Amino acid sequence: MRRSPTGPPQQEVLAFSADQVRKLTGLTVRQLRYWDHTEFFSPEHAPGYRSGAFTRIYSFRDVVGLSAIATLRNDHQFPLQKLRLVGAYLKRFHDTPWASLALYVSGREIVFREPGRPEPYISTSPRGQAALSVIEFQEVARHAHSRAEQLRLRRQEQVGQVERRRHVVRNLPVLAGTRVPTSAIWNLQAAGYTTEQILREYPRLQPPDVTAAVEFERRSRSKKAG
């Protein structure tokens, strides 16, 4: 893939607001805020203060972890005290591949499979109690990615439109339904990229988006120059 004139290949950051996490996991924004405030589960991308809207930015890994916690909370009715063990487990193995992580529900206990240890299961439940169901994080990640892609689908009426939304990409003008700044498209076009090459950098865009971004930037720059 070609490099953009300002650095590495252009990609949209897979980051999610609390409202998007709500849609993906079924948890409430109130739950997410409380869990962050009590340091049970805080978003990976967040400043030291979180008093404003959209200051909690969740990574895809956060979404996967919260999806598993939501299943334990909503489907199995585990209390927060038990879920804190899951949060600690996810934090401890933050860099471990999803395929190596799994949780089991054994009666009213959450059973952990700890990667790289000879003892496959860790639990406070009596030894020998059968695990009744399993939550495999690789499968959770697959479902979360599918839901995230659906969330990222653009409506046809958004194609070729420019918008500016508060707290989205530092309030810069972006192409509607994306996080792609119009300035990024302008920079590529100014560097000699064709529409086809720009679309290879940003596969979610369509030709009318490129035209709209360039025209928007041209008008904005003309006003500033005048």
Protein backbone atom coordinates (compact mmCIF):
# COMPACT_ATOMS: atom_id res chain seq x y z
CA MET A 1 0.00 0.00 0.00
CA ARG A 2 1.29 3.47 -0.82
CA ARG A 3 2.24 5.84 1.93
CA SER A 4 0.45 9.12 2.19
CA PRO A 5 2.47 12.33 1.86
CA THR A 6 2.20 12.86 5.63
CA GLY A 7 3.25 9.42 6.85
CA PRO A 8 1.96 5.82 6.94
CA PRO A 9 -0.98 4.46 4.92
CA GLN A 10 -4.21 6.25 5.77
CA GLN A 11 -6.55 4.21 7.96
CA GLU A 12 -9.54 5.05 10.10
CA VAL A 13 -8.90 4.40 13.75
CA LEU A 14 -11.17 1.67 15.11
CA ALA A 15 -12.35 3.60 18.15
CA PHE A 16 -15.77 3.80 19.72
CA SER A 17 -17.70 6.30 21.81
CA ALA A 18 -19.69 5.17 24.85
CA ASP A 19 -22.90 5.38 22.82
CA GLN A 20 -21.44 3.14 20.13
CA VAL A 21 -20.28 0.67 22.78
CA ARG A 22 -23.84 0.71 24.13
CA LYS A 23 -25.18 -0.30 20.72
CA LEU A 24 -22.53 -3.01 20.29
CA THR A 25 -22.75 -4.62 23.75
CA GLY A 26 -26.23 -3.93 25.12
CA LEU A 27 -24.74 -2.25 28.19
CA THR A 28 -26.04 1.18 29.20
CA VAL A 29 -24.01 4.38 29.06
CA ARG A 30 -24.73 4.76 32.76
CA GLN A 31 -23.12 1.36 33.43
CA LEU A 32 -20.08 2.27 31.35
CA ARG A 33 -19.65 5.56 33.20
CA TYR A 34 -20.03 3.93 36.61
CA TRP A 35 -17.59 1.15 35.74
CA ASP A 36 -15.07 3.72 34.56
CA HIS A 37 -15.58 5.89 37.65
CA THR A 38 -15.08 2.91 39.98
CA GLU A 39 -12.08 1.70 37.93
CA PHE A 40 -13.75 -1.60 37.16
CA PHE A 41 -13.44 -1.14 33.40
CA SER A 42 -11.97 2.03 31.93
CA PRO A 43 -11.61 2.77 28.21
CA GLU A 44 -8.18 2.28 26.72
CA HIS A 45 -8.15 5.74 25.11
CA ALA A 46 -9.15 8.36 27.69
CA PRO A 47 -7.62 11.50 29.16
CA GLY A 48 -7.01 11.98 32.87
CA TYR A 49 -10.34 13.80 33.17
CA ARG A 50 -13.69 12.61 31.79
CA SER A 51 -16.14 15.38 32.52
CA GLY A 52 -17.19 16.11 28.92
CA ALA A 53 -19.04 14.19 26.27
CA PHE A 54 -17.05 11.76 24.11
CA THR A 55 -14.09 11.80 26.50
CA ARG A 56 -14.40 8.04 26.90
CA ILE A 57 -13.00 6.46 23.74
CA TYR A 58 -13.01 2.66 23.67
CA SER A 59 -10.71 0.46 21.62
CA PHE A 60 -11.90 -2.64 19.79
CA ARG A 61 -10.26 -4.73 22.50
CA ASP A 62 -12.38 -2.86 25.04
CA VAL A 63 -15.50 -3.70 23.03
CA VAL A 64 -14.61 -7.40 23.03
CA GLY A 65 -13.99 -7.45 26.77
CA LEU A 66 -17.19 -5.54 27.50
CA SER A 67 -19.15 -7.86 25.19
CA ALA A 68 -18.03 -10.84 27.26
CA ILE A 69 -18.82 -9.01 30.50
CA ALA A 70 -22.25 -8.05 29.14
CA THR A 71 -22.97 -11.74 28.45
CA LEU A 72 -22.01 -12.66 32.00
CA ARG A 73 -24.03 -9.76 33.39
CA ASN A 74 -27.17 -10.02 31.30
CA ASP A 75 -27.39 -13.72 30.41
CA HIS A 76 -25.95 -15.27 33.56
CA GLN A 77 -26.83 -12.53 36.09
CA PHE A 78 -23.40 -12.38 37.70
CA PRO A 79 -22.97 -9.55 40.25
CA LEU A 80 -20.37 -6.84 39.84
CA GLN A 81 -18.16 -8.48 42.45
CA LYS A 82 -17.72 -11.51 40.19
CA LEU A 83 -17.31 -9.37 37.10
CA ARG A 84 -14.42 -7.51 38.70
CA LEU A 85 -12.48 -10.79 38.54
CA VAL A 86 -13.10 -10.84 34.79
CA GLY A 87 -11.89 -7.25 34.48
CA ALA A 88 -8.70 -8.14 36.33
CA TYR A 89 -8.24 -11.20 34.11
CA LEU A 90 -8.57 -9.12 30.93
CA LYS A 91 -6.18 -6.49 32.26
CA ARG A 92 -3.61 -9.10 33.23
CA PHE A 93 -3.65 -10.73 29.81
CA HIS A 94 -4.17 -7.57 27.78
CA ASP A 95 -1.52 -8.53 25.20
CA THR A 96 -2.51 -12.19 24.93
CA PRO A 97 -4.07 -13.31 21.62
CA TRP A 98 -7.82 -13.85 21.78
CA ALA A 99 -7.43 -17.53 20.82
CA SER A 100 -5.65 -18.19 24.13
CA LEU A 101 -8.35 -16.64 26.33
CA ALA A 102 -11.59 -18.20 27.50
CA LEU A 103 -14.00 -18.05 30.42
CA TYR A 104 -16.27 -20.82 31.63
CA VAL A 105 -19.49 -20.58 33.57
CA SER A 106 -19.62 -23.33 36.16
CA GLY A 107 -22.76 -23.12 38.24
CA ARG A 108 -22.63 -19.70 39.89
CA GLU A 109 -18.87 -19.38 39.40
CA ILE A 110 -16.75 -17.93 36.60
CA VAL A 111 -13.92 -20.32 35.75
CA PHE A 112 -10.77 -18.97 34.11
CA ARG A 113 -8.45 -20.71 31.70
CA GLU A 114 -5.09 -19.08 32.31
CA PRO A 115 -2.75 -19.14 29.29
CA GLY A 116 0.68 -20.70 29.69
CA ARG A 117 -0.05 -22.45 32.97
CA PRO A 118 -0.15 -26.25 33.50
CA GLU A 119 -3.30 -25.88 35.60
CA PRO A 120 -5.94 -25.19 32.93
CA TYR A 121 -8.70 -23.83 35.15
CA ILE A 122 -8.76 -21.36 38.03
CA SER A 123 -11.90 -20.95 40.10
CA THR A 124 -13.25 -20.60 43.61
CA SER A 125 -15.75 -23.38 42.91
CA PRO A 126 -15.14 -26.93 44.20
CA ARG A 127 -12.78 -29.02 42.11
CA GLY A 128 -14.46 -31.37 39.71
CA GLN A 129 -17.49 -29.18 39.14
CA ALA A 130 -18.30 -29.32 35.42
CA ALA A 131 -18.04 -26.22 33.30
CA LEU A 132 -21.49 -25.68 31.82
CA SER A 133 -20.73 -23.12 29.13
CA VAL A 134 -17.74 -21.41 27.59
CA ILE A 135 -17.07 -17.87 26.41
CA GLU A 136 -14.22 -17.98 23.90
CA PHE A 137 -12.80 -14.54 23.27
CA GLN A 138 -11.85 -15.33 19.69
CA GLU A 139 -15.51 -15.98 18.94
CA VAL A 140 -16.58 -12.89 20.89
CA ALA A 141 -14.11 -10.83 18.86
CA ARG A 142 -15.50 -12.23 15.61
CA HIS A 143 -19.05 -11.28 16.53
CA ALA A 144 -17.97 -7.86 17.84
CA HIS A 145 -16.15 -7.12 14.60
CA SER A 146 -19.21 -8.09 12.57
CA ARG A 147 -21.44 -5.80 14.67
CA ALA A 148 -18.87 -2.99 14.43
CA GLU A 149 -18.81 -3.26 10.64
CA GLN A 150 -22.59 -2.98 10.55
CA LEU A 151 -22.36 0.09 12.77
CA ARG A 152 -19.84 1.62 10.39
CA LEU A 153 -22.01 1.18 7.29
CA ARG A 154 -22.81 4.49 5.67
CA ARG A 155 -26.22 5.50 4.44
CA GLN A 156 -26.45 6.36 0.77
CA GLU A 157 -27.50 9.92 1.55
CA GLN A 158 -24.21 10.44 3.42
CA VAL A 159 -22.08 9.81 0.33
CA GLY A 160 -20.62 13.04 -1.04
CA GLN A 161 -21.55 15.03 2.08
CA VAL A 162 -19.31 16.86 4.53
CA GLU A 163 -20.14 17.28 8.19
CA ARG A 164 -18.55 18.59 11.35
CA ARG A 165 -19.55 16.88 14.59
CA ARG A 166 -18.52 17.93 18.06
CA HIS A 167 -15.75 15.79 19.55
CA VAL A 168 -15.27 13.82 16.30
CA VAL A 169 -11.68 14.03 14.97
CA ARG A 170 -11.01 17.22 16.94
CA ASN A 171 -14.09 18.88 15.41
CA LEU A 172 -12.53 18.87 11.94
CA PRO A 173 -14.76 18.66 8.85
CA VAL A 174 -15.12 14.99 7.88
CA LEU A 175 -16.90 13.06 5.17
CA ALA A 176 -20.34 12.17 6.50
CA GLY A 177 -20.56 8.78 8.18
CA THR A 178 -16.77 8.48 8.51
CA ARG A 179 -13.87 9.84 10.52
CA VAL A 180 -11.95 10.85 7.38
CA PRO A 181 -11.07 14.59 7.47
CA THR A 182 -11.59 16.49 4.25
CA SER A 183 -8.09 17.90 4.75
CA ALA A 184 -6.63 14.38 4.40
CA ILE A 185 -8.27 14.00 0.99
CA TRP A 186 -7.06 17.47 -0.01
CA ASN A 187 -3.49 16.61 0.97
CA LEU A 188 -3.52 13.43 -1.07
CA GLN A 189 -4.99 15.21 -4.10
CA ALA A 190 -2.41 18.00 -3.75
CA ALA A 191 0.33 15.37 -3.67
CA GLY A 192 -0.81 14.08 -7.06
CA TYR A 193 -2.99 11.18 -6.02
CA THR A 194 -5.78 10.31 -8.45
CA THR A 195 -9.32 9.61 -7.24
CA GLU A 196 -8.69 5.90 -7.75
CA GLN A 197 -5.53 6.02 -5.65
CA ILE A 198 -7.29 7.97 -2.90
CA LEU A 199 -10.07 5.36 -2.80
CA ARG A 200 -7.45 2.66 -2.33
CA GLU A 201 -6.23 4.56 0.72
CA TYR A 202 -9.79 4.90 2.05
CA PRO A 203 -11.82 1.89 0.80
CA ARG A 204 -15.04 3.06 2.48
CA LEU A 205 -15.19 6.21 0.38
CA GLN A 206 -16.75 6.66 -3.04
CA PRO A 207 -15.82 9.02 -5.90
CA PRO A 208 -18.41 11.67 -4.87
CA ASP A 209 -16.72 11.81 -1.45
CA VAL A 210 -13.40 12.74 -3.01
CA THR A 211 -15.05 15.45 -5.11
CA ALA A 212 -16.96 16.83 -2.12
CA ALA A 213 -13.87 16.89 0.10
CA VAL A 214 -11.71 18.67 -2.48
CA GLU A 215 -14.41 21.23 -3.25
CA PHE A 216 -15.04 21.88 0.43
CA GLU A 217 -11.35 22.42 1.13
CA ARG A 218 -10.96 24.64 -1.94
CA ARG A 219 -13.82 26.91 -0.80
CA SER A 220 -12.56 27.01 2.80
CA ARG A 221 -9.04 27.88 1.76
CA SER A 222 -10.25 30.55 -0.66
CA LYS A 223 -12.25 32.23 2.13
CA LYS A 224 -9.25 32.19 4.46
CA ALA A 225 -7.01 33.61 1.74
CA GLY A 226 -9.54 36.35 1.00
